[in-house]
Amino acid sequence: MVMPMDGNNLYIFIDEGGNLDFSNTGTAYFTLTALSRIRPFSTNLPLLNLKYDLWEEGIDFEYFHATTDSQRTRDRVFEILATQLQEFNIDSIIVDKRKTNPSLREHHLFYQKVFQILLNYIFHRYRGRFSRIFILTDEIPVNKKKSEVQKAIKTFIASYAGKVKGFYTIQHYSSKSDLNLQIVDYFNWAIFRKWERKDERSYRLIRGAVASEFDVFASGKTLYY
């Protein structure tokens, strides 16, 4: 795993999988996955070259997105990621939605809980050895959801009471704008597929970068629906 050096900037790129429909019509699982990195991002060039290769092969696409990319494109992206696993720190929170107590299903409470667990893993690893923090998620079109995500992150950072010093920022950019958002989308897609569909084909290629994968309700026995 890549360990940070004092005085560097910590970037945390976050993606979620599944939905917050707590019923049999929704997804069985919800995942929240983070890619944490200290610059420089040396893995970006191979993916940029792949993008240009695909264009030159006549493939019409704008950016990497695991759900909509062709299987051939996904295979090539995962092939690149698999050769550079040492460059990534991946943390993922897994929620079996059926085991989620109704008292936690309000979006602001749910996000507060999962972000607290996720960021705790990351900040514990880096132990304050950074000068600034940049937290980025994919673009969130609903203003209420955006405020809930921001509040969940800010609440956790405030709870650190001095352990997180200095400047931090939270941004919601379209994943089209940044390769690292596209990379965490691929990691989260592989993890979500493993839990939701029991499909580990892609997960096996990237599991070497997974620093933590926490099933929140692993010990829970009660199913609420």
Foldseek 3Di string as FASTA:
>chain_A
DDADAAAWEKEKEKEKDWDLPLDPVTFQKIKIKIKIATDDPVLVVVVVVVVVVCVVVVNDDQAAAPVPDDPVSLVVVLVSCLVPLVRIAMEMEMERSQLDPPVQSDLLSVLLVRLLVRVVVVCVRRQLRYAEYEYEYAADPDPVNVVSNVVSNVVNVVVVPPSHDHYYDYYHYHCSVDVVNSVRSSQNVQVCCCPRVVDNPSVVSNVSNYPYYHHPCPVPDHGND
